[in-house]
Amino acid sequence: MTTTTEFSRPGPESGTPMPVKRKRPRVPGWLRGVIWAVVAIAVMSTASYATGVSALTSSNTASTALRLALPILLCALGGLWAERVGVINIGLEGMMILGTWGAAWGAYYGGAWVGLLAAIGFGALGGLLHAVATVTFNVNHIVSGVAINLLGLGVAKYLANLIFEPLSGNPRQSPPVPKFDTYSAAGLSDWLGSLENQQRVGLSDVAGILRGLVTGVAPLTMIAIVLIPVSYWILWRTRFGLRLRSCGENPVAAESLGVNVYRYKYVGVLISGGFAGMGGASLVLLKGGADYLENQTNGRGYIGLAAMIFGNWRPGGLLGGAALFGYSDGLQLAGGGDAVLALLYGAVILLAIIVIVQLIRKRWLAAALGVVGAGILYAIYWTNDTLPSDLIPYTAHFVTLIVLAVASQRLRPPKADGAQYRRGEGD
């Protein structure tokens, strides 16, 4: 779309109207997400063809990535609800740990759905403790979050010793628990499978990714996906959401307009803990995952927080972040070191595209940095036949650090995020 002009301002001298540039309309967020998804699939398809590593776009990788992205997505949603109300929640890891234990305990005695409810309850309990500390007693949010993480780990370990050891004989593991059933789009899955097996460039890659997303899907996965647009609608399209977000932007102004800031902060952090507990349940109650294990979360709560930051505190953005981290984690499980090395080749292609875009925009420094980054990644790819096995399990963690470093320049958190607030400060 070309830039249009209109004459509306008088000139400095004879009153002659001066042209005023009208800003180009911004691309809608959902359309940007679709464009990035298409670009990512095209890059991975090209890398798969160039390197001969089919795992980059296989249905097995996509299915594994979906399962591994689920706890990250739910933790990121939890972080979104807390930080939009002005409370930094790095205690997501501890709330998630409580959710894993609650899911195993509830599922053992009442089935998978009871386990999910128990996980939400235990996660919300961790959120309640965080809210009491940060909202009522004005404790530093980071200190409280660290305490919640330590407390969650200790409580789960104590309860596992108390309840699971007599049942399983192992204080660090629960007995086998019921899992959620999975569902597949049978006809569509078979058709996509035939396309994937034909090994056509581009077409088979798309078919493999789509097949992995519609095969063996659990109800909890469907619920998590639905929660993305629901969260957006509540937070950005309802009066309740407007009031909640106002507490994270300017609580003093919100209080002056009659908003009960404390109440909204408690609600936001409780919902945050519930979502983190659901993330813990996804590690226990999905087929293909283990039963409750000590340290089962393995830092996924922190990665969920990183996905939320990468997504710029927006539901659609954090969905992309969770997909990225889940994919990188699923790829190393499905394809091993060769697949992760091929992912570096794909990253080189993506950086080349970004460099071209930056050159068109005349952002020379960003383009130069992109060239340097692409050169380093390509050198690693060219000089190695595979990556060290000790580093491969940390693929998602490396991706987290790199993505946050790249995306840090465009982030805009809520203005009062982490700020201490006391009722009546505006009087």
Protein backbone atom coordinates (compact mmCIF):
# COMPACT_ATOMS: atom_id res chain seq x y z
CA MET A 1 0.00 0.00 0.00
CA THR A 2 1.39 3.39 -0.95
CA THR A 3 1.57 6.26 1.50
CA THR A 4 -1.15 8.86 0.90
CA THR A 5 -1.03 12.53 1.85
CA GLU A 6 -3.62 15.05 2.87
CA PHE A 7 -3.43 18.84 3.30
CA SER A 8 -4.48 19.84 6.76
CA ARG A 9 -1.81 22.03 8.38
CA PRO A 10 -1.12 25.64 7.38
CA GLY A 11 2.42 26.47 6.30
CA PRO A 12 4.72 28.64 8.43
CA GLU A 13 4.33 31.57 6.06
CA SER A 14 1.35 32.41 3.85
CA GLY A 15 -1.03 29.89 5.32
CA THR A 16 -0.31 27.39 2.56
CA PRO A 17 -1.39 23.88 3.53
CA MET A 18 1.49 21.49 4.11
CA PRO A 19 1.30 17.81 3.25
CA VAL A 20 0.93 15.55 6.27
CA LYS A 21 1.99 11.95 5.88
CA ARG A 22 -0.60 9.49 6.94
CA LYS A 23 0.83 6.45 8.70
CA ARG A 24 0.56 3.18 6.91
CA PRO A 25 -1.90 0.81 8.56
CA ARG A 26 -0.18 -1.87 10.59
CA VAL A 27 -0.45 -5.51 9.59
CA PRO A 28 -2.88 -7.30 11.96
CA GLY A 29 -1.19 -9.48 14.54
CA TRP A 30 -2.92 -12.68 13.38
CA LEU A 31 -1.78 -12.04 9.79
CA ARG A 32 1.82 -11.50 10.93
CA GLY A 33 1.61 -14.81 12.76
CA VAL A 34 0.36 -16.59 9.63
CA ILE A 35 3.14 -15.02 7.54
CA TRP A 36 5.80 -16.11 10.04
CA ALA A 37 4.35 -19.64 10.15
CA VAL A 38 4.48 -19.88 6.34
CA VAL A 39 8.06 -18.56 6.30
CA ALA A 40 9.11 -21.03 9.03
CA ILE A 41 7.61 -24.00 7.15
CA ALA A 42 9.27 -22.88 3.92
CA VAL A 43 12.64 -22.52 5.66
CA MET A 44 12.41 -25.93 7.33
CA SER A 45 11.30 -27.53 4.05
CA THR A 46 14.29 -26.02 2.25
CA ALA A 47 16.67 -27.10 5.01
CA SER A 48 15.24 -30.61 5.01
CA TYR A 49 15.74 -30.89 1.24
CA ALA A 50 19.26 -29.41 1.34
CA THR A 51 20.52 -31.51 4.25
CA GLY A 52 18.58 -34.71 3.59
CA VAL A 53 17.23 -34.76 7.17
CA SER A 54 13.52 -35.55 6.88
CA ALA A 55 13.00 -35.26 10.65
CA LEU A 56 12.81 -31.47 10.32
CA THR A 57 9.28 -31.70 8.92
CA SER A 58 8.17 -35.23 9.80
CA SER A 59 4.85 -36.01 11.46
CA ASN A 60 6.70 -37.66 14.35
CA THR A 61 8.60 -34.44 15.06
CA ALA A 62 5.43 -32.32 14.81
CA SER A 63 3.49 -34.63 17.13
CA THR A 64 6.31 -34.68 19.68
CA ALA A 65 6.72 -30.91 19.42
CA LEU A 66 3.01 -30.37 20.08
CA ARG A 67 3.16 -32.47 23.23
CA LEU A 68 6.31 -30.76 24.49
CA ALA A 69 5.04 -27.26 23.63
CA LEU A 70 1.89 -27.75 25.71
CA PRO A 71 3.39 -27.22 29.22
CA ILE A 72 5.39 -24.25 27.92
CA LEU A 73 2.27 -22.73 26.38
CA LEU A 74 0.21 -23.12 29.56
CA CYS A 75 2.98 -21.68 31.74
CA ALA A 76 3.33 -18.76 29.33
CA LEU A 77 -0.41 -18.12 29.58
CA GLY A 78 -0.06 -18.17 33.36
CA GLY A 79 2.72 -15.62 33.18
CA LEU A 80 0.61 -13.45 30.88
CA TRP A 81 -2.31 -13.26 33.32
CA ALA A 82 -0.05 -12.42 36.25
CA GLU A 83 2.09 -9.82 34.53
CA ARG A 84 -0.82 -8.12 32.80
CA VAL A 85 -2.11 -7.39 36.30
CA GLY A 86 1.30 -6.08 37.34
CA VAL A 87 2.77 -9.08 39.22
CA ILE A 88 6.00 -10.66 37.98
CA ASN A 89 5.62 -14.39 38.36
CA ILE A 90 8.90 -16.27 38.13
CA GLY A 91 7.32 -18.77 40.53
CA LEU A 92 5.71 -20.53 37.55
CA GLU A 93 8.22 -23.36 37.87
CA GLY A 94 7.22 -24.07 41.48
CA MET A 95 3.49 -23.86 40.65
CA MET A 96 4.09 -26.24 37.78
CA ILE A 97 5.87 -28.69 40.08
CA LEU A 98 2.88 -28.60 42.44
CA GLY A 99 0.68 -29.28 39.40
CA THR A 100 2.65 -32.40 38.45
CA TRP A 101 2.21 -33.88 41.90
CA GLY A 102 -1.46 -32.87 42.09
CA ALA A 103 -2.14 -34.40 38.67
CA ALA A 104 -0.60 -37.75 39.63
CA TRP A 105 -2.36 -37.83 43.01
CA GLY A 106 -5.77 -36.90 41.59
CA ALA A 107 -5.49 -39.20 38.57
CA TYR A 108 -4.45 -42.20 40.69
CA TYR A 109 -7.55 -41.95 42.83
CA GLY A 110 -10.09 -40.45 40.43
CA GLY A 111 -8.95 -40.60 36.82
CA ALA A 112 -7.38 -38.16 34.37
CA TRP A 113 -10.02 -35.41 34.67
CA VAL A 114 -9.82 -35.42 38.46
CA GLY A 115 -6.05 -35.25 38.10
CA LEU A 116 -6.39 -32.17 35.89
CA LEU A 117 -8.64 -30.44 38.43
CA ALA A 118 -6.23 -31.34 41.24
CA ALA A 119 -3.32 -29.93 39.25
CA ILE A 120 -5.19 -26.67 38.69
CA GLY A 121 -6.01 -26.49 42.40
CA PHE A 122 -2.42 -27.09 43.54
CA GLY A 123 -1.09 -24.60 41.01
CA ALA A 124 -3.65 -22.01 42.11
CA LEU A 125 -2.57 -22.62 45.73
CA GLY A 126 0.96 -21.64 44.73
CA GLY A 127 -0.48 -18.58 43.00
CA LEU A 128 -2.40 -17.67 46.15
CA LEU A 129 0.80 -17.76 48.22
CA HIS A 130 2.53 -15.56 45.66
CA ALA A 131 -0.38 -13.11 45.70
CA VAL A 132 -0.43 -12.91 49.50
CA ALA A 133 3.28 -12.18 49.56
CA THR A 134 3.42 -9.65 46.72
CA VAL A 135 0.01 -7.96 46.91
CA THR A 136 -0.88 -7.99 50.61
CA PHE A 137 2.59 -7.85 52.16
CA ASN A 138 4.34 -6.04 49.30
CA VAL A 139 7.24 -8.51 49.14
CA ASN A 140 9.60 -8.10 46.20
CA HIS A 141 8.14 -10.11 43.32
CA ILE A 142 11.41 -11.79 42.37
CA VAL A 143 12.13 -12.85 45.96
CA SER A 144 8.63 -14.24 46.34
CA GLY A 145 8.87 -16.11 43.03
CA VAL A 146 12.15 -17.75 44.00
CA ALA A 147 10.63 -18.75 47.33
CA ILE A 148 7.62 -20.28 45.56
CA ASN A 149 9.93 -22.32 43.33
CA LEU A 150 11.85 -23.67 46.32
CA LEU A 151 8.67 -24.26 48.30
CA GLY A 152 6.97 -26.07 45.43
CA LEU A 153 9.93 -28.39 45.01
CA GLY A 154 10.09 -29.12 48.74
CA VAL A 155 6.34 -29.64 49.19
CA ALA A 156 6.13 -31.98 46.19
CA LYS A 157 9.09 -33.99 47.47
CA TYR A 158 7.57 -34.26 50.95
CA LEU A 159 4.16 -35.33 49.64
CA ALA A 160 5.71 -37.86 47.28
CA ASN A 161 7.59 -39.42 50.20
CA LEU A 162 4.42 -39.43 52.27
CA ILE A 163 1.93 -40.78 49.72
CA PHE A 164 3.69 -42.27 46.69
CA GLU A 165 6.49 -44.24 48.37
CA PRO A 166 4.10 -46.77 50.02
CA LEU A 167 2.39 -47.25 46.64
CA SER A 168 5.32 -47.34 44.21
CA GLY A 169 8.23 -48.16 46.51
CA ASN A 170 10.04 -45.13 45.12
CA PRO A 171 9.82 -41.75 46.90
CA ARG A 172 10.71 -39.93 43.68
CA GLN A 173 8.08 -41.50 41.46
CA SER A 174 4.33 -42.11 41.49
CA PRO A 175 2.66 -45.40 40.63
CA PRO A 176 1.21 -45.65 37.09
CA VAL A 177 -1.68 -43.21 36.66
CA PRO A 178 -4.47 -43.02 34.04
CA LYS A 179 -3.78 -40.89 30.96
CA PHE A 180 -6.04 -38.88 28.70
CA ASP A 181 -7.32 -40.69 25.64
CA THR A 182 -6.15 -39.33 22.30
CA TYR A 183 -8.14 -38.66 19.14
CA SER A 184 -7.18 -38.42 15.48
CA ALA A 185 -8.86 -37.12 12.34
CA ALA A 186 -8.71 -40.59 10.82
CA GLY A 187 -9.49 -39.87 7.16
CA LEU A 188 -7.48 -36.65 7.07
CA SER A 189 -4.55 -38.25 8.89
CA ASP A 190 -4.37 -41.14 6.41
CA TRP A 191 -4.51 -38.80 3.42
CA LEU A 192 -1.79 -36.58 4.86
CA GLY A 193 0.28 -39.68 5.65
CA SER A 194 0.16 -40.78 2.01
CA LEU A 195 1.26 -37.31 0.90
CA GLU A 196 4.09 -37.33 3.42
CA ASN A 197 5.35 -40.69 2.20
CA GLN A 198 5.51 -39.46 -1.41
CA GLN A 199 8.48 -37.23 -0.44
CA ARG A 200 7.48 -34.32 -2.66
CA VAL A 201 9.42 -31.17 -1.95
CA GLY A 202 7.28 -28.71 -0.02
CA LEU A 203 4.02 -30.64 -0.27
CA SER A 204 5.20 -33.63 1.77
CA ASP A 205 6.76 -31.31 4.34
CA VAL A 206 3.50 -29.46 4.91
CA ALA A 207 1.59 -32.75 4.98
CA GLY A 208 3.95 -34.18 7.60
CA ILE A 209 3.61 -31.17 9.89
CA LEU A 210 -0.19 -31.10 9.57
CA ARG A 211 -0.44 -34.84 10.13
CA GLY A 212 1.49 -34.55 13.37
CA LEU A 213 -0.91 -31.84 14.56
CA VAL A 214 -4.11 -33.83 13.91
CA THR A 215 -2.97 -37.29 15.04
CA GLY A 216 -3.11 -38.49 18.65
CA VAL A 217 -4.41 -35.22 20.10
CA ALA A 218 -5.53 -35.22 23.77
CA PRO A 219 -8.46 -33.20 25.17
CA LEU A 220 -6.03 -31.19 27.30
CA THR A 221 -4.24 -30.10 24.12
CA MET A 222 -7.53 -28.91 22.61
CA ILE A 223 -8.37 -27.01 25.80
CA ALA A 224 -4.98 -25.28 25.82
CA ILE A 225 -5.34 -24.16 22.21
CA VAL A 226 -8.83 -22.81 22.86
CA LEU A 227 -7.50 -20.88 25.88
CA ILE A 228 -5.39 -18.68 23.57
CA PRO A 229 -8.30 -16.87 21.83
CA VAL A 230 -10.37 -17.01 25.03
CA SER A 231 -7.62 -15.24 26.98
CA TYR A 232 -7.29 -12.63 24.25
CA TRP A 233 -11.04 -12.00 24.19
CA ILE A 234 -11.30 -11.70 27.97
CA LEU A 235 -8.25 -9.47 28.41
CA TRP A 236 -8.73 -7.19 25.41
CA ARG A 237 -12.46 -7.29 24.63
CA THR A 238 -14.27 -7.27 27.99
CA ARG A 239 -14.73 -4.74 30.76
CA PHE A 240 -13.23 -7.19 33.24
CA GLY A 241 -10.10 -7.53 31.09
CA LEU A 242 -9.75 -3.77 30.70
CA ARG A 243 -9.86 -3.29 34.45
CA LEU A 244 -7.42 -6.13 35.02
CA ARG A 245 -4.90 -4.73 32.52
CA SER A 246 -5.29 -1.24 33.96
CA CYS A 247 -3.95 -2.61 37.25
CA GLY A 248 -0.77 -3.62 35.42
CA GLU A 249 -0.41 -0.31 33.59
CA ASN A 250 -1.35 2.28 36.22
CA PRO A 251 -2.87 0.90 39.44
CA VAL A 252 -3.15 4.35 41.03
CA ALA A 253 -5.27 5.63 38.15
CA ALA A 254 -7.32 2.43 38.17
CA GLU A 255 -8.01 2.85 41.89
CA SER A 256 -9.08 6.47 41.35
CA LEU A 257 -11.73 5.17 38.92
CA GLY A 258 -13.14 2.74 41.48
CA VAL A 259 -11.28 -0.44 40.50
CA ASN A 260 -10.47 -2.75 43.41
CA VAL A 261 -6.83 -3.24 42.48
CA TYR A 262 -6.09 -5.82 45.16
CA ARG A 263 -8.99 -8.00 44.06
CA TYR A 264 -7.94 -7.96 40.41
CA LYS A 265 -4.33 -8.71 41.30
CA TYR A 266 -5.42 -11.71 43.35
CA VAL A 267 -7.63 -12.96 40.52
CA GLY A 268 -4.86 -12.58 37.93
CA VAL A 269 -2.25 -14.41 40.01
CA LEU A 270 -4.68 -17.18 40.98
CA ILE A 271 -5.50 -17.78 37.30
CA SER A 272 -1.78 -17.69 36.59
CA GLY A 273 -1.11 -20.44 39.12
CA GLY A 274 -3.99 -22.52 37.77
CA PHE A 275 -2.59 -22.38 34.24
CA ALA A 276 0.88 -23.32 35.51
CA GLY A 277 -0.68 -26.28 37.31
CA MET A 278 -2.33 -27.32 34.03
CA GLY A 279 1.13 -27.18 32.46
CA GLY A 280 2.33 -29.60 35.12
CA ALA A 281 -0.64 -31.87 34.43
CA SER A 282 0.31 -32.04 30.75
CA LEU A 283 3.61 -33.66 31.73
CA VAL A 284 1.85 -36.39 33.69
CA LEU A 285 -1.49 -37.05 32.00
CA LEU A 286 -0.60 -37.15 28.29
CA LYS A 287 0.20 -40.44 26.57
CA GLY A 288 3.88 -40.68 25.75
CA GLY A 289 4.84 -38.81 28.90
CA ALA A 290 6.06 -40.25 32.18
CA ASP A 291 4.12 -40.52 35.42
CA TYR A 292 5.10 -38.15 38.20
CA LEU A 293 8.88 -37.88 38.61
CA GLU A 294 10.92 -35.64 40.85
CA ASN A 295 12.32 -32.64 38.92
CA GLN A 296 10.04 -33.58 36.04
CA THR A 297 9.52 -29.99 34.89
CA ASN A 298 13.23 -29.55 34.03
CA GLY A 299 13.01 -25.76 33.87
CA ARG A 300 9.95 -25.61 31.60
CA GLY A 301 8.39 -22.98 33.85
CA TYR A 302 11.29 -20.65 33.07
CA ILE A 303 11.05 -21.44 29.36
CA GLY A 304 7.32 -20.64 29.54
CA LEU A 305 8.20 -17.28 31.06
CA ALA A 306 10.67 -16.73 28.22
CA ALA A 307 7.97 -17.64 25.66
CA MET A 308 5.68 -15.02 27.20
CA ILE A 309 8.41 -12.37 27.00
CA PHE A 310 9.23 -13.38 23.42
CA GLY A 311 5.53 -13.00 22.60
CA ASN A 312 5.59 -9.43 23.96
CA TRP A 313 2.97 -10.17 26.63
CA ARG A 314 0.37 -11.08 23.97
CA PRO A 315 -1.50 -14.42 23.62
CA GLY A 316 -0.71 -14.87 19.93
CA GLY A 317 2.95 -14.03 20.42
CA LEU A 318 3.43 -16.47 23.27
CA LEU A 319 1.80 -19.18 21.13
CA GLY A 320 4.59 -18.65 18.59
CA GLY A 321 7.21 -18.71 21.33
CA ALA A 322 5.86 -21.95 22.80
CA ALA A 323 5.74 -23.52 19.33
CA LEU A 324 9.36 -22.54 18.69
CA PHE A 325 10.67 -23.93 21.97
CA GLY A 326 8.51 -27.06 21.73
CA TYR A 327 9.70 -27.69 18.19
CA SER A 328 13.37 -27.37 19.09
CA ASP A 329 12.88 -29.74 22.03
CA GLY A 330 10.85 -32.22 19.99
CA LEU A 331 13.37 -32.16 17.16
CA GLN A 332 16.25 -33.23 19.37
CA LEU A 333 14.16 -36.14 20.67
CA ALA A 334 12.89 -37.23 17.26
CA GLY A 335 16.02 -36.70 15.20
CA GLY A 336 18.98 -36.42 17.56
CA GLY A 337 22.17 -34.52 16.83
CA ASP A 338 21.86 -34.71 13.03
CA ALA A 339 18.45 -33.02 13.13
CA VAL A 340 19.65 -30.27 15.47
CA LEU A 341 22.61 -29.65 13.16
CA ALA A 342 20.21 -29.41 10.22
CA LEU A 343 18.20 -26.91 12.27
CA LEU A 344 21.30 -24.69 12.29
CA TYR A 345 21.24 -24.77 8.50
CA GLY A 346 17.61 -23.66 8.59
CA ALA A 347 18.55 -20.85 10.97
CA VAL A 348 21.18 -19.68 8.45
CA ILE A 349 18.50 -19.49 5.73
CA LEU A 350 16.16 -17.57 8.06
CA LEU A 351 18.92 -15.12 8.98
CA ALA A 352 19.65 -14.57 5.30
CA ILE A 353 16.01 -13.60 4.76
CA ILE A 354 16.13 -11.26 7.76
CA VAL A 355 19.32 -9.65 6.46
CA ILE A 356 17.66 -8.95 3.09
CA VAL A 357 14.66 -7.38 4.84
CA GLN A 358 16.94 -5.21 6.99
CA LEU A 359 18.88 -4.07 3.93
CA ILE A 360 15.65 -3.07 2.22
CA ARG A 361 14.74 -1.06 5.32
CA LYS A 362 18.27 0.44 5.36
CA ARG A 363 19.02 -0.84 8.84
CA TRP A 364 22.68 -1.43 8.26
CA LEU A 365 23.73 -2.42 11.78
CA ALA A 366 20.98 -5.04 12.10
CA ALA A 367 21.91 -6.43 8.68
CA ALA A 368 25.59 -6.60 9.62
CA LEU A 369 24.82 -8.43 12.86
CA GLY A 370 22.63 -10.84 10.92
CA VAL A 371 25.47 -11.58 8.52
CA VAL A 372 27.84 -12.25 11.42
CA GLY A 373 25.32 -14.54 13.13
CA ALA A 374 24.63 -16.45 9.91
CA GLY A 375 28.37 -16.86 9.34
CA ILE A 376 28.94 -18.29 12.80
CA LEU A 377 26.04 -20.76 12.51
CA TYR A 378 27.13 -21.87 9.06
CA ALA A 379 30.70 -22.40 10.28
CA ILE A 380 29.39 -24.63 13.07
CA TYR A 381 27.26 -26.57 10.57
CA TRP A 382 30.10 -26.94 8.04
CA THR A 383 32.76 -28.06 10.50
CA ASN A 384 30.68 -30.70 12.35
CA ASP A 385 29.12 -33.95 11.21
CA THR A 386 26.97 -34.05 14.33
CA LEU A 387 26.68 -32.19 17.63
CA PRO A 388 28.00 -33.47 20.99
CA SER A 389 25.44 -35.68 22.66
CA ASP A 390 25.86 -33.82 25.95
CA LEU A 391 24.63 -30.56 24.39
CA ILE A 392 21.65 -31.92 22.43
CA PRO A 393 19.19 -32.14 25.40
CA TYR A 394 19.72 -28.41 26.02
CA THR A 395 18.64 -27.36 22.53
CA ALA A 396 15.49 -25.62 23.80
CA HIS A 397 17.48 -23.75 26.45
CA PHE A 398 19.97 -22.44 23.86
CA VAL A 399 17.10 -21.40 21.61
CA THR A 400 15.54 -19.56 24.58
CA LEU A 401 18.70 -17.51 25.17
CA ILE A 402 19.21 -16.68 21.50
CA VAL A 403 15.60 -15.70 20.85
CA LEU A 404 15.39 -13.47 23.92
CA ALA A 405 18.63 -11.74 22.95
CA VAL A 406 17.31 -11.07 19.44
CA ALA A 407 13.81 -10.01 20.50
CA SER A 408 14.81 -7.84 23.47
CA GLN A 409 14.76 -4.60 21.46
CA ARG A 410 11.05 -4.70 20.63
CA LEU A 411 9.57 -5.73 23.95
CA ARG A 412 7.04 -3.62 25.80
CA PRO A 413 5.99 -5.01 29.22
CA PRO A 414 3.11 -3.54 31.23
CA LYS A 415 4.26 -0.24 32.73
CA ALA A 416 3.61 -1.20 36.36
CA ASP A 417 4.85 -4.79 36.01
CA GLY A 418 6.68 -5.66 39.22
CA ALA A 419 6.03 -2.28 40.82
CA GLN A 420 5.10 -2.29 44.51
CA TYR A 421 1.66 -0.87 45.17
CA ARG A 422 -0.27 0.04 48.32
CA ARG A 423 -3.91 0.96 48.47
CA GLY A 424 -4.53 4.68 48.67
CA GLU A 425 -1.20 5.75 47.12
CA GLY A 426 -2.98 8.23 44.87
CA ASP A 427 -4.70 10.14 47.69
